[in-house]
Structure formats: structure tokens, C-alpha cells
Amino acid sequence: MSSDPVRFARALADSGRQQILQLLWGRELCVRDLAQALGLSQPTVSHHLQILQRVGLVRAREAGRRTFYTLDLEVLDRGLRALRLALRPTRRRARRR
């Protein structure tokens, strides 16, 4: 997984990618199944999956001529934790007079 919270957030920022993650929650699907469920073209779904794979959110498993994708919940948790830490305000020390 990319340790860059901005890159992680960008991967999650697209509604199409969010829908893909929802569809992959707890199951494994191929590009064709995802494209049908989302009403998107296979190249578009493949592009989104590529972005999700780069940050580690999606894992691929080849079976014959198809590739099946799953959501990596551990990477999702780590990425959300890193994003939360990146957004946390820094504490300023009080000045002594």
C-alpha cells in the first residue's frame, strides 16, 4: 500500500471507484461482472481497478482467461488510519511569558 495519504484519498475520491469497492466488499468479481453491475465499459472499469491496485486496495487473482478482484480490507483500514493521522491538527505549545 502507498503510505501517501493524499494518493490514498485520490483513489477513493472517484464515485466509480467507490462503487467498485462496494461491489467487491466480501466477494470476488471479474471486470465483466463489475462493468455490467456499474453500466460502465470494461476499459473504464479496468482503469479504475488499476488505480485501486496501485494503492493496494484491490488484489487480483488470475483464473484462466479471467482476472478476479477482491477488496483488501486491511489496506483500507491502514489507509483510513493514515489519512486520519494526516488530517489531525498539530498541537502548538503555549508560549511562556
PDB file of N, CA and C in Angstrom:
ATOM      1  N   MET A   1       0.837  -1.194   0.000  1.00  0.00           N
ATOM      2  CA  MET A   1       0.000   0.000   0.000  1.00  0.00           C
ATOM      3  C   MET A   1       0.868   1.239   0.000  1.00  0.00           C
ATOM      4  N   SER A   2       0.421   2.219  -0.700  1.00  0.00           N
ATOM      5  CA  SER A   2       1.098   3.509  -0.689  1.00  0.00           C
ATOM      6  C   SER A   2       0.905   4.135   0.683  1.00  0.00           C
ATOM      7  N   SER A   3       1.984   4.639   1.258  1.00  0.00           N
ATOM      8  CA  SER A   3       1.865   5.273   2.568  1.00  0.00           C
ATOM      9  C   SER A   3       1.473   6.742   2.446  1.00  0.00           C
ATOM     10  N   ASP A   4       1.268   7.186   1.230  1.00  0.00           N
ATOM     11  CA  ASP A   4       0.899   8.567   0.966  1.00  0.00           C
ATOM     12  C   ASP A   4      -0.611   8.739   1.124  1.00  0.00           C
ATOM     13  N   PRO A   5      -1.042   9.449   2.175  1.00  0.00           N
ATOM     14  CA  PRO A   5      -2.482   9.610   2.401  1.00  0.00           C
ATOM     15  C   PRO A   5      -3.192  10.373   1.284  1.00  0.00           C
ATOM     16  N   VAL A   6      -2.472  11.259   0.597  1.00  0.00           N
ATOM     17  CA  VAL A   6      -3.087  12.020  -0.494  1.00  0.00           C
ATOM     18  C   VAL A   6      -3.393  11.082  -1.654  1.00  0.00           C
ATOM     19  N   ARG A   7      -2.445  10.231  -1.988  1.00  0.00           N
ATOM     20  CA  ARG A   7      -2.661   9.251  -3.067  1.00  0.00           C
ATOM     21  C   ARG A   7      -3.816   8.303  -2.725  1.00  0.00           C
ATOM     22  N   PHE A   8      -3.865   7.891  -1.469  1.00  0.00           N
ATOM     23  CA  PHE A   8      -4.947   7.030  -0.998  1.00  0.00           C
ATOM     24  C   PHE A   8      -6.291   7.744  -1.138  1.00  0.00           C
ATOM     25  N   ALA A   9      -6.347   9.003  -0.702  1.00  0.00           N
ATOM     26  CA  ALA A   9      -7.584   9.781  -0.773  1.00  0.00           C
ATOM     27  C   ALA A   9      -8.023   9.988  -2.220  1.00  0.00           C
ATOM     28  N   ARG A  10      -7.063  10.226  -3.103  1.00  0.00           N
ATOM     29  CA  ARG A  10      -7.400  10.399  -4.524  1.00  0.00           C
ATOM     30  C   ARG A  10      -8.011   9.130  -5.104  1.00  0.00           C
ATOM     31  N   ALA A  11      -7.494   7.984  -4.689  1.00  0.00           N
ATOM     32  CA  ALA A  11      -8.043   6.713  -5.181  1.00  0.00           C
ATOM     33  C   ALA A  11      -9.494   6.548  -4.737  1.00  0.00           C
ATOM     34  N   LEU A  12      -9.818   7.048  -3.564  1.00  0.00           N
ATOM     35  CA  LEU A  12     -11.180   6.934  -3.034  1.00  0.00           C
ATOM     36  C   LEU A  12     -12.108   8.048  -3.514  1.00  0.00           C
ATOM     37  N   ALA A  13     -11.547   9.093  -4.087  1.00  0.00           N
ATOM     38  CA  ALA A  13     -12.321  10.293  -4.417  1.00  0.00           C
ATOM     39  C   ALA A  13     -13.305  10.114  -5.567  1.00  0.00           C
ATOM     40  N   ASP A  14     -13.108   9.125  -6.403  1.00  0.00           N
ATOM     41  CA  ASP A  14     -13.966   8.935  -7.566  1.00  0.00           C
ATOM     42  C   ASP A  14     -15.177   8.058  -7.205  1.00  0.00           C
ATOM     43  N   SER A  15     -16.365   8.488  -7.596  1.00  0.00           N
ATOM     44  CA  SER A  15     -17.574   7.733  -7.253  1.00  0.00           C
ATOM     45  C   SER A  15     -17.596   6.352  -7.917  1.00  0.00           C
ATOM     46  N   GLY A  16     -17.036   6.238  -9.116  1.00  0.00           N
ATOM     47  CA  GLY A  16     -16.957   4.939  -9.780  1.00  0.00           C
ATOM     48  C   GLY A  16     -16.102   3.954  -8.998  1.00  0.00           C
ATOM     49  N   ARG A  17     -14.971   4.458  -8.473  1.00  0.00           N
ATOM     50  CA  ARG A  17     -14.109   3.586  -7.675  1.00  0.00           C
ATOM     51  C   ARG A  17     -14.769   3.225  -6.354  1.00  0.00           C
ATOM     52  N   GLN A  18     -15.515   4.150  -5.784  1.00  0.00           N
ATOM     53  CA  GLN A  18     -16.252   3.845  -4.555  1.00  0.00           C
ATOM     54  C   GLN A  18     -17.267   2.733  -4.810  1.00  0.00           C
ATOM     55  N   GLN A  19     -17.947   2.792  -5.935  1.00  0.00           N
ATOM     56  CA  GLN A  19     -18.923   1.750  -6.276  1.00  0.00           C
ATOM     57  C   GLN A  19     -18.237   0.402  -6.483  1.00  0.00           C
ATOM     58  N   ILE A  20     -17.068   0.421  -7.106  1.00  0.00           N
ATOM     59  CA  ILE A  20     -16.316  -0.822  -7.294  1.00  0.00           C
ATOM     60  C   ILE A  20     -15.968  -1.427  -5.937  1.00  0.00           C
ATOM     61  N   LEU A  21     -15.494  -0.601  -5.010  1.00  0.00           N
ATOM     62  CA  LEU A  21     -15.139  -1.105  -3.686  1.00  0.00           C
ATOM     63  C   LEU A  21     -16.364  -1.682  -2.970  1.00  0.00           C
ATOM     64  N   GLN A  22     -17.505  -1.029  -3.126  1.00  0.00           N
ATOM     65  CA  GLN A  22     -18.736  -1.550  -2.517  1.00  0.00           C
ATOM     66  C   GLN A  22     -19.095  -2.911  -3.096  1.00  0.00           C
ATOM     67  N   LEU A  23     -18.967  -3.043  -4.409  1.00  0.00           N
ATOM     68  CA  LEU A  23     -19.289  -4.321  -5.049  1.00  0.00           C
ATOM     69  C   LEU A  23     -18.312  -5.430  -4.645  1.00  0.00           C
ATOM     70  N   LEU A  24     -17.071  -5.061  -4.389  1.00  0.00           N
ATOM     71  CA  LEU A  24     -16.059  -6.053  -4.030  1.00  0.00           C
ATOM     72  C   LEU A  24     -16.043  -6.386  -2.540  1.00  0.00           C
ATOM     73  N   TRP A  25     -16.822  -5.671  -1.765  1.00  0.00           N
ATOM     74  CA  TRP A  25     -16.839  -5.890  -0.312  1.00  0.00           C
ATOM     75  C   TRP A  25     -17.326  -7.315  -0.034  1.00  0.00           C
ATOM     76  N   GLY A  26     -16.415  -8.159   0.433  1.00  0.00           N
ATOM     77  CA  GLY A  26     -16.772  -9.519   0.832  1.00  0.00           C
ATOM     78  C   GLY A  26     -16.952 -10.500  -0.307  1.00  0.00           C
ATOM     79  N   ARG A  27     -16.596 -10.113  -1.532  1.00  0.00           N
ATOM     80  CA  ARG A  27     -16.703 -11.056  -2.652  1.00  0.00           C
ATOM     81  C   ARG A  27     -15.680 -10.737  -3.730  1.00  0.00           C
ATOM     82  N   GLU A  28     -15.605 -11.638  -4.662  1.00  0.00           N
ATOM     83  CA  GLU A  28     -14.631 -11.567  -5.740  1.00  0.00           C
ATOM     84  C   GLU A  28     -15.387 -11.454  -7.062  1.00  0.00           C
ATOM     85  N   LEU A  29     -14.989 -10.488  -7.891  1.00  0.00           N
ATOM     86  CA  LEU A  29     -15.650 -10.282  -9.178  1.00  0.00           C
ATOM     87  C   LEU A  29     -14.628 -10.028 -10.269  1.00  0.00           C
ATOM     88  N   CYS A  30     -15.001 -10.339 -11.495  1.00  0.00           N
ATOM     89  CA  CYS A  30     -14.140 -10.045 -12.643  1.00  0.00           C
ATOM     90  C   CYS A  30     -14.579  -8.716 -13.261  1.00  0.00           C
ATOM     91  N   VAL A  31     -13.777  -8.219 -14.188  1.00  0.00           N
ATOM     92  CA  VAL A  31     -14.051  -6.927 -14.830  1.00  0.00           C
ATOM     93  C   VAL A  31     -15.418  -6.941 -15.509  1.00  0.00           C
ATOM     94  N   ARG A  32     -15.730  -8.020 -16.195  1.00  0.00           N
ATOM     95  CA  ARG A  32     -17.006  -8.094 -16.914  1.00  0.00           C
ATOM     96  C   ARG A  32     -18.186  -7.947 -15.953  1.00  0.00           C
ATOM     97  N   ASP A  33     -18.121  -8.639 -14.807  1.00  0.00           N
ATOM     98  CA  ASP A  33     -19.202  -8.541 -13.820  1.00  0.00           C
ATOM     99  C   ASP A  33     -19.316  -7.127 -13.250  1.00  0.00           C
ATOM    100  N   LEU A  34     -18.170  -6.526 -12.986  1.00  0.00           N
ATOM    101  CA  LEU A  34     -18.173  -5.154 -12.460  1.00  0.00           C
ATOM    102  C   LEU A  34     -18.728  -4.175 -13.494  1.00  0.00           C
ATOM    103  N   ALA A  35     -18.319  -4.335 -14.740  1.00  0.00           N
ATOM    104  CA  ALA A  35     -18.791  -3.447 -15.808  1.00  0.00           C
ATOM    105  C   ALA A  35     -20.301  -3.554 -15.972  1.00  0.00           C
ATOM    106  N   GLN A  36     -20.817  -4.775 -15.930  1.00  0.00           N
ATOM    107  CA  GLN A  36     -22.278  -4.970 -16.054  1.00  0.00           C
ATOM    108  C   GLN A  36     -23.012  -4.332 -14.881  1.00  0.00           C
ATOM    109  N   ALA A  37     -22.521  -4.560 -13.677  1.00  0.00           N
ATOM    110  CA  ALA A  37     -23.191  -4.029 -12.487  1.00  0.00           C
ATOM    111  C   ALA A  37     -23.182  -2.504 -12.452  1.00  0.00           C
ATOM    112  N   LEU A  38     -22.114  -1.902 -12.981  1.00  0.00           N
ATOM    113  CA  LEU A  38     -21.977  -0.448 -12.922  1.00  0.00           C
ATOM    114  C   LEU A  38     -22.475   0.268 -14.171  1.00  0.00           C
ATOM    115  N   GLY A  39     -22.692  -0.488 -15.244  1.00  0.00           N
ATOM    116  CA  GLY A  39     -23.094   0.135 -16.501  1.00  0.00           C
ATOM    117  C   GLY A  39     -21.953   0.923 -17.134  1.00  0.00           C
ATOM    118  N   LEU A  40     -20.720   0.483 -16.904  1.00  0.00           N
ATOM    119  CA  LEU A  40     -19.538   1.135 -17.457  1.00  0.00           C
ATOM    120  C   LEU A  40     -18.868   0.199 -18.456  1.00  0.00           C
ATOM    121  N   SER A  41     -18.008   0.747 -19.292  1.00  0.00           N
ATOM    122  CA  SER A  41     -17.281  -0.101 -20.234  1.00  0.00           C
ATOM    123  C   SER A  41     -16.180  -0.864 -19.482  1.00  0.00           C
ATOM    124  N   GLN A  42     -15.769  -1.992 -20.063  1.00  0.00           N
ATOM    125  CA  GLN A  42     -14.706  -2.776 -19.435  1.00  0.00           C
ATOM    126  C   GLN A  42     -13.394  -1.992 -19.350  1.00  0.00           C
ATOM    127  N   PRO A  43     -13.012  -1.223 -20.386  1.00  0.00           N
ATOM    128  CA  PRO A  43     -11.781  -0.432 -20.251  1.00  0.00           C
ATOM    129  C   PRO A  43     -11.854   0.590 -19.109  1.00  0.00           C
ATOM    130  N   THR A  44     -13.009   1.190 -18.905  1.00  0.00           N
ATOM    131  CA  THR A  44     -13.170   2.161 -17.813  1.00  0.00           C
ATOM    132  C   THR A  44     -13.012   1.473 -16.468  1.00  0.00           C
ATOM    133  N   VAL A  45     -13.647   0.314 -16.317  1.00  0.00           N
ATOM    134  CA  VAL A  45     -13.540  -0.438 -15.062  1.00  0.00           C
ATOM    135  C   VAL A  45     -12.092  -0.876 -14.847  1.00  0.00           C
ATOM    136  N   SER A  46     -11.429  -1.326 -15.895  1.00  0.00           N
ATOM    137  CA  SER A  46     -10.025  -1.738 -15.786  1.00  0.00           C
ATOM    138  C   SER A  46      -9.142  -0.575 -15.345  1.00  0.00           C
ATOM    139  N   HIS A  47      -9.413   0.602 -15.873  1.00  0.00           N
ATOM    140  CA  HIS A  47      -8.656   1.804 -15.479  1.00  0.00           C
ATOM    141  C   HIS A  47      -8.835   2.079 -13.984  1.00  0.00           C
ATOM    142  N   HIS A  48     -10.069   2.031 -13.510  1.00  0.00           N
ATOM    143  CA  HIS A  48     -10.344   2.265 -12.089  1.00  0.00           C
ATOM    144  C   HIS A  48      -9.667   1.195 -11.228  1.00  0.00           C
ATOM    145  N   LEU A  49      -9.723  -0.053 -11.661  1.00  0.00           N
ATOM    146  CA  LEU A  49      -9.095  -1.129 -10.904  1.00  0.00           C
ATOM    147  C   LEU A  49      -7.582  -0.943 -10.821  1.00  0.00           C
ATOM    148  N   GLN A  50      -6.995  -0.446 -11.883  1.00  0.00           N
ATOM    149  CA  GLN A  50      -5.556  -0.183 -11.908  1.00  0.00           C
ATOM    150  C   GLN A  50      -5.176   0.844 -10.837  1.00  0.00           C
ATOM    151  N   ILE A  51      -5.955   1.882 -10.724  1.00  0.00           N
ATOM    152  CA  ILE A  51      -5.712   2.920  -9.713  1.00  0.00           C
ATOM    153  C   ILE A  51      -5.859   2.333  -8.316  1.00  0.00           C
ATOM    154  N   LEU A  52      -6.898   1.537  -8.111  1.00  0.00           N
ATOM    155  CA  LEU A  52      -7.124   0.917  -6.804  1.00  0.00           C
ATOM    156  C   LEU A  52      -6.023  -0.078  -6.462  1.00  0.00           C
ATOM    157  N   GLN A  53      -5.504  -0.781  -7.465  1.00  0.00           N
ATOM    158  CA  GLN A  53      -4.413  -1.724  -7.238  1.00  0.00           C
ATOM    159  C   GLN A  53      -3.125  -0.997  -6.858  1.00  0.00           C
ATOM    160  N   ARG A  54      -2.871   0.155  -7.449  1.00  0.00           N
ATOM    161  CA  ARG A  54      -1.648   0.913  -7.161  1.00  0.00           C
ATOM    162  C   ARG A  54      -1.525   1.293  -5.697  1.00  0.00           C
ATOM    163  N   VAL A  55      -2.657   1.575  -5.055  1.00  0.00           N
ATOM    164  CA  VAL A  55      -2.616   1.906  -3.625  1.00  0.00           C
ATOM    165  C   VAL A  55      -2.840   0.672  -2.763  1.00  0.00           C
ATOM    166  N   GLY A  56      -3.054  -0.469  -3.377  1.00  0.00           N
ATOM    167  CA  GLY A  56      -3.172  -1.719  -2.640  1.00  0.00           C
ATOM    168  C   GLY A  56      -4.571  -2.083  -2.178  1.00  0.00           C
ATOM    169  N   LEU A  57      -5.564  -1.284  -2.537  1.00  0.00           N
ATOM    170  CA  LEU A  57      -6.930  -1.551  -2.074  1.00  0.00           C
ATOM    171  C   LEU A  57      -7.553  -2.789  -2.711  1.00  0.00           C
ATOM    172  N   VAL A  58      -7.097  -3.128  -3.896  1.00  0.00           N
ATOM    173  CA  VAL A  58      -7.673  -4.254  -4.633  1.00  0.00           C
ATOM    174  C   VAL A  58      -6.565  -5.249  -4.979  1.00  0.00           C
ATOM    175  N   ARG A  59      -6.879  -6.525  -4.769  1.00  0.00           N
ATOM    176  CA  ARG A  59      -5.964  -7.605  -5.142  1.00  0.00           C
ATOM    177  C   ARG A  59      -6.537  -8.344  -6.340  1.00  0.00           C
ATOM    178  N   ALA A  60      -5.653  -8.859  -7.183  1.00  0.00           N
ATOM    179  CA  ALA A  60      -6.073  -9.587  -8.387  1.00  0.00           C
ATOM    180  C   ALA A  60      -5.623 -11.045  -8.298  1.00  0.00           C
ATOM    181  N   ARG A  61      -6.482 -11.922  -8.832  1.00  0.00           N
ATOM    182  CA  ARG A  61      -6.171 -13.350  -8.911  1.00  0.00           C
ATOM    183  C   ARG A  61      -6.568 -13.822 -10.294  1.00  0.00           C
ATOM    184  N   GLU A  62      -5.606 -14.373 -11.013  1.00  0.00           N
ATOM    185  CA  GLU A  62      -5.896 -14.857 -12.363  1.00  0.00           C
ATOM    186  C   GLU A  62      -6.399 -16.289 -12.300  1.00  0.00           C
ATOM    187  N   ALA A  63      -7.442 -16.548 -13.092  1.00  0.00           N
ATOM    188  CA  ALA A  63      -8.023 -17.888 -13.208  1.00  0.00           C
ATOM    189  C   ALA A  63      -8.375 -18.100 -14.679  1.00  0.00           C
ATOM    190  N   GLY A  64      -7.518 -18.815 -15.373  1.00  0.00           N
ATOM    191  CA  GLY A  64      -7.745 -18.998 -16.803  1.00  0.00           C
ATOM    192  C   GLY A  64      -7.595 -17.686 -17.531  1.00  0.00           C
ATOM    193  N   ARG A  65      -8.607 -17.340 -18.306  1.00  0.00           N
ATOM    194  CA  ARG A  65      -8.562 -16.098 -19.085  1.00  0.00           C
ATOM    195  C   ARG A  65      -9.117 -14.900 -18.327  1.00  0.00           C
ATOM    196  N   ARG A  66      -9.598 -15.124 -17.142  1.00  0.00           N
ATOM    197  CA  ARG A  66     -10.192 -14.031 -16.358  1.00  0.00           C
ATOM    198  C   ARG A  66      -9.324 -13.669 -15.172  1.00  0.00           C
ATOM    199  N   THR A  67      -9.475 -12.440 -14.746  1.00  0.00           N
ATOM    200  CA  THR A  67      -8.830 -11.966 -13.527  1.00  0.00           C
ATOM    201  C   THR A  67      -9.931 -11.561 -12.568  1.00  0.00           C
ATOM    202  N   PHE A  68      -9.851 -12.074 -11.359  1.00  0.00           N
ATOM    203  CA  PHE A  68     -10.840 -11.768 -10.339  1.00  0.00           C
ATOM    204  C   PHE A  68     -10.227 -10.820  -9.313  1.00  0.00           C
ATOM    205  N   TYR A  69     -11.044  -9.875  -8.864  1.00  0.00           N
ATOM    206  CA  TYR A  69     -10.583  -8.830  -7.966  1.00  0.00           C
ATOM    207  C   TYR A  69     -11.303  -8.917  -6.635  1.00  0.00           C
ATOM    208  N   THR A  70     -10.555  -8.595  -5.574  1.00  0.00           N
ATOM    209  CA  THR A  70     -11.122  -8.560  -4.225  1.00  0.00           C
ATOM    210  C   THR A  70     -10.629  -7.294  -3.524  1.00  0.00           C
ATOM    211  N   LEU A  71     -11.400  -6.850  -2.566  1.00  0.00           N
ATOM    212  CA  LEU A  71     -11.056  -5.692  -1.751  1.00  0.00           C
ATOM    213  C   LEU A  71     -10.177  -6.161  -0.601  1.00  0.00           C
ATOM    214  N   ASP A  72      -9.088  -5.458  -0.344  1.00  0.00           N
ATOM    215  CA  ASP A  72      -8.220  -5.765   0.790  1.00  0.00           C
ATOM    216  C   ASP A  72      -8.621  -4.846   1.941  1.00  0.00           C
ATOM    217  N   LEU A  73      -9.394  -5.387   2.871  1.00  0.00           N
ATOM    218  CA  LEU A  73      -9.914  -4.578   3.978  1.00  0.00           C
ATOM    219  C   LEU A  73      -8.816  -4.100   4.922  1.00  0.00           C
ATOM    220  N   GLU A  74      -7.746  -4.868   5.057  1.00  0.00           N
ATOM    221  CA  GLU A  74      -6.643  -4.439   5.922  1.00  0.00           C
ATOM    222  C   GLU A  74      -5.973  -3.191   5.356  1.00  0.00           C
ATOM    223  N   VAL A  75      -5.791  -3.155   4.055  1.00  0.00           N
ATOM    224  CA  VAL A  75      -5.200  -1.976   3.414  1.00  0.00           C
ATOM    225  C   VAL A  75      -6.154  -0.791   3.547  1.00  0.00           C
ATOM    226  N   LEU A  76      -7.440  -1.036   3.403  1.00  0.00           N
ATOM    227  CA  LEU A  76      -8.429   0.028   3.580  1.00  0.00           C
ATOM    228  C   LEU A  76      -8.334   0.600   4.988  1.00  0.00           C
ATOM    229  N   ASP A  77      -8.264  -0.258   5.991  1.00  0.00           N
ATOM    230  CA  ASP A  77      -8.154   0.207   7.377  1.00  0.00           C
ATOM    231  C   ASP A  77      -6.873   0.999   7.608  1.00  0.00           C
ATOM    232  N   ARG A  78      -5.743   0.488   7.113  1.00  0.00           N
ATOM    233  CA  ARG A  78      -4.471   1.192   7.284  1.00  0.00           C
ATOM    234  C   ARG A  78      -4.484   2.537   6.570  1.00  0.00           C
ATOM    235  N   GLY A  79      -5.055   2.585   5.378  1.00  0.00           N
ATOM    236  CA  GLY A  79      -5.125   3.833   4.629  1.00  0.00           C
ATOM    237  C   GLY A  79      -5.998   4.865   5.312  1.00  0.00           C
ATOM    238  N   LEU A  80      -7.124   4.421   5.848  1.00  0.00           N
ATOM    239  CA  LEU A  80      -8.007   5.346   6.558  1.00  0.00           C
ATOM    240  C   LEU A  80      -7.348   5.866   7.828  1.00  0.00           C
ATOM    241  N   ARG A  81      -6.609   4.993   8.507  1.00  0.00           N
ATOM    242  CA  ARG A  81      -5.878   5.398   9.701  1.00  0.00           C
ATOM    243  C   ARG A  81      -4.816   6.443   9.341  1.00  0.00           C
ATOM    244  N   ALA A  82      -4.065   6.203   8.262  1.00  0.00           N
ATOM    245  CA  ALA A  82      -3.032   7.149   7.823  1.00  0.00           C
ATOM    246  C   ALA A  82      -3.657   8.491   7.424  1.00  0.00           C
ATOM    247  N   LEU A  83      -4.803   8.438   6.778  1.00  0.00           N
ATOM    248  CA  LEU A  83      -5.498   9.665   6.383  1.00  0.00           C
ATOM    249  C   LEU A  83      -5.962  10.440   7.616  1.00  0.00           C
ATOM    250  N   ARG A  84      -6.493   9.710   8.589  1.00  0.00           N
ATOM    251  CA  ARG A  84      -6.926  10.340   9.839  1.00  0.00           C
ATOM    252  C   ARG A  84      -5.752  11.035  10.531  1.00  0.00           C
ATOM    253  N   LEU A  85      -4.594  10.359  10.573  1.00  0.00           N
ATOM    254  CA  LEU A  85      -3.422  10.950  11.210  1.00  0.00           C
ATOM    255  C   LEU A  85      -2.925  12.172  10.446  1.00  0.00           C
ATOM    256  N   ALA A  86      -2.988  12.118   9.135  1.00  0.00           N
ATOM    257  CA  ALA A  86      -2.539  13.247   8.314  1.00  0.00           C
ATOM    258  C   ALA A  86      -3.431  14.469   8.502  1.00  0.00           C
ATOM    259  N   LEU A  87      -4.685  14.243   8.807  1.00  0.00           N
ATOM    260  CA  LEU A  87      -5.632  15.349   8.958  1.00  0.00           C
ATOM    261  C   LEU A  87      -5.685  15.906  10.379  1.00  0.00           C
ATOM    262  N   ARG A  88      -5.073  15.194  11.299  1.00  0.00           N
ATOM    263  CA  ARG A  88      -5.107  15.621  12.694  1.00  0.00           C
ATOM    264  C   ARG A  88      -4.371  16.949  12.845  1.00  0.00           C
ATOM    265  N   PRO A  89      -4.976  17.891  13.545  1.00  0.00           N
ATOM    266  CA  PRO A  89      -4.289  19.170  13.740  1.00  0.00           C
ATOM    267  C   PRO A  89      -3.060  18.976  14.640  1.00  0.00           C
ATOM    268  N   THR A  90      -2.022  19.758  14.368  1.00  0.00           N
ATOM    269  CA  THR A  90      -0.830  19.683  15.212  1.00  0.00           C
ATOM    270  C   THR A  90      -1.065  20.534  16.439  1.00  0.00           C
ATOM    271  N   ARG A  91      -0.526  20.069  17.532  1.00  0.00           N
ATOM    272  CA  ARG A  91      -0.688  20.829  18.783  1.00  0.00           C
ATOM    273  C   ARG A  91       0.429  21.848  18.883  1.00  0.00           C
ATOM    274  N   ARG A  92       0.043  23.025  19.258  1.00  0.00           N
ATOM    275  CA  ARG A  92       1.034  24.097  19.426  1.00  0.00           C
ATOM    276  C   ARG A  92       1.328  24.258  20.902  1.00  0.00           C
ATOM    277  N   ARG A  93       2.578  24.495  21.178  1.00  0.00           N
ATOM    278  CA  ARG A  93       2.969  24.710  22.578  1.00  0.00           C
ATOM    279  C   ARG A  93       2.602  26.131  22.981  1.00  0.00           C
ATOM    280  N   ALA A  94       2.141  26.239  24.199  1.00  0.00           N
ATOM    281  CA  ALA A  94       1.820  27.567  24.729  1.00  0.00           C
ATOM    282  C   ALA A  94       3.133  28.320  25.008  1.00  0.00           C
ATOM    283  N   ARG A  95       3.117  29.575  24.689  1.00  0.00           N
ATOM    284  CA  ARG A  95       4.302  30.403  24.924  1.00  0.00           C
ATOM    285  C   ARG A  95       4.369  30.813  26.387  1.00  0.00           C
ATOM    286  N   ARG A  96       5.585  30.778  26.904  1.00  0.00           N
ATOM    287  CA  ARG A  96       5.789  31.247  28.277  1.00  0.00           C
ATOM    288  C   ARG A  96       6.163  32.731  28.237  1.00  0.00           C
ATOM    289  N   ARG A  97       5.666  33.451  29.181  1.00  0.00           N
ATOM    290  CA  ARG A  97       5.971  34.884  29.251  1.00  0.00           C
ATOM    291  C   ARG A  97       6.859  35.173  30.403  1.00  0.00           C
TER     292      ARG A  97
END
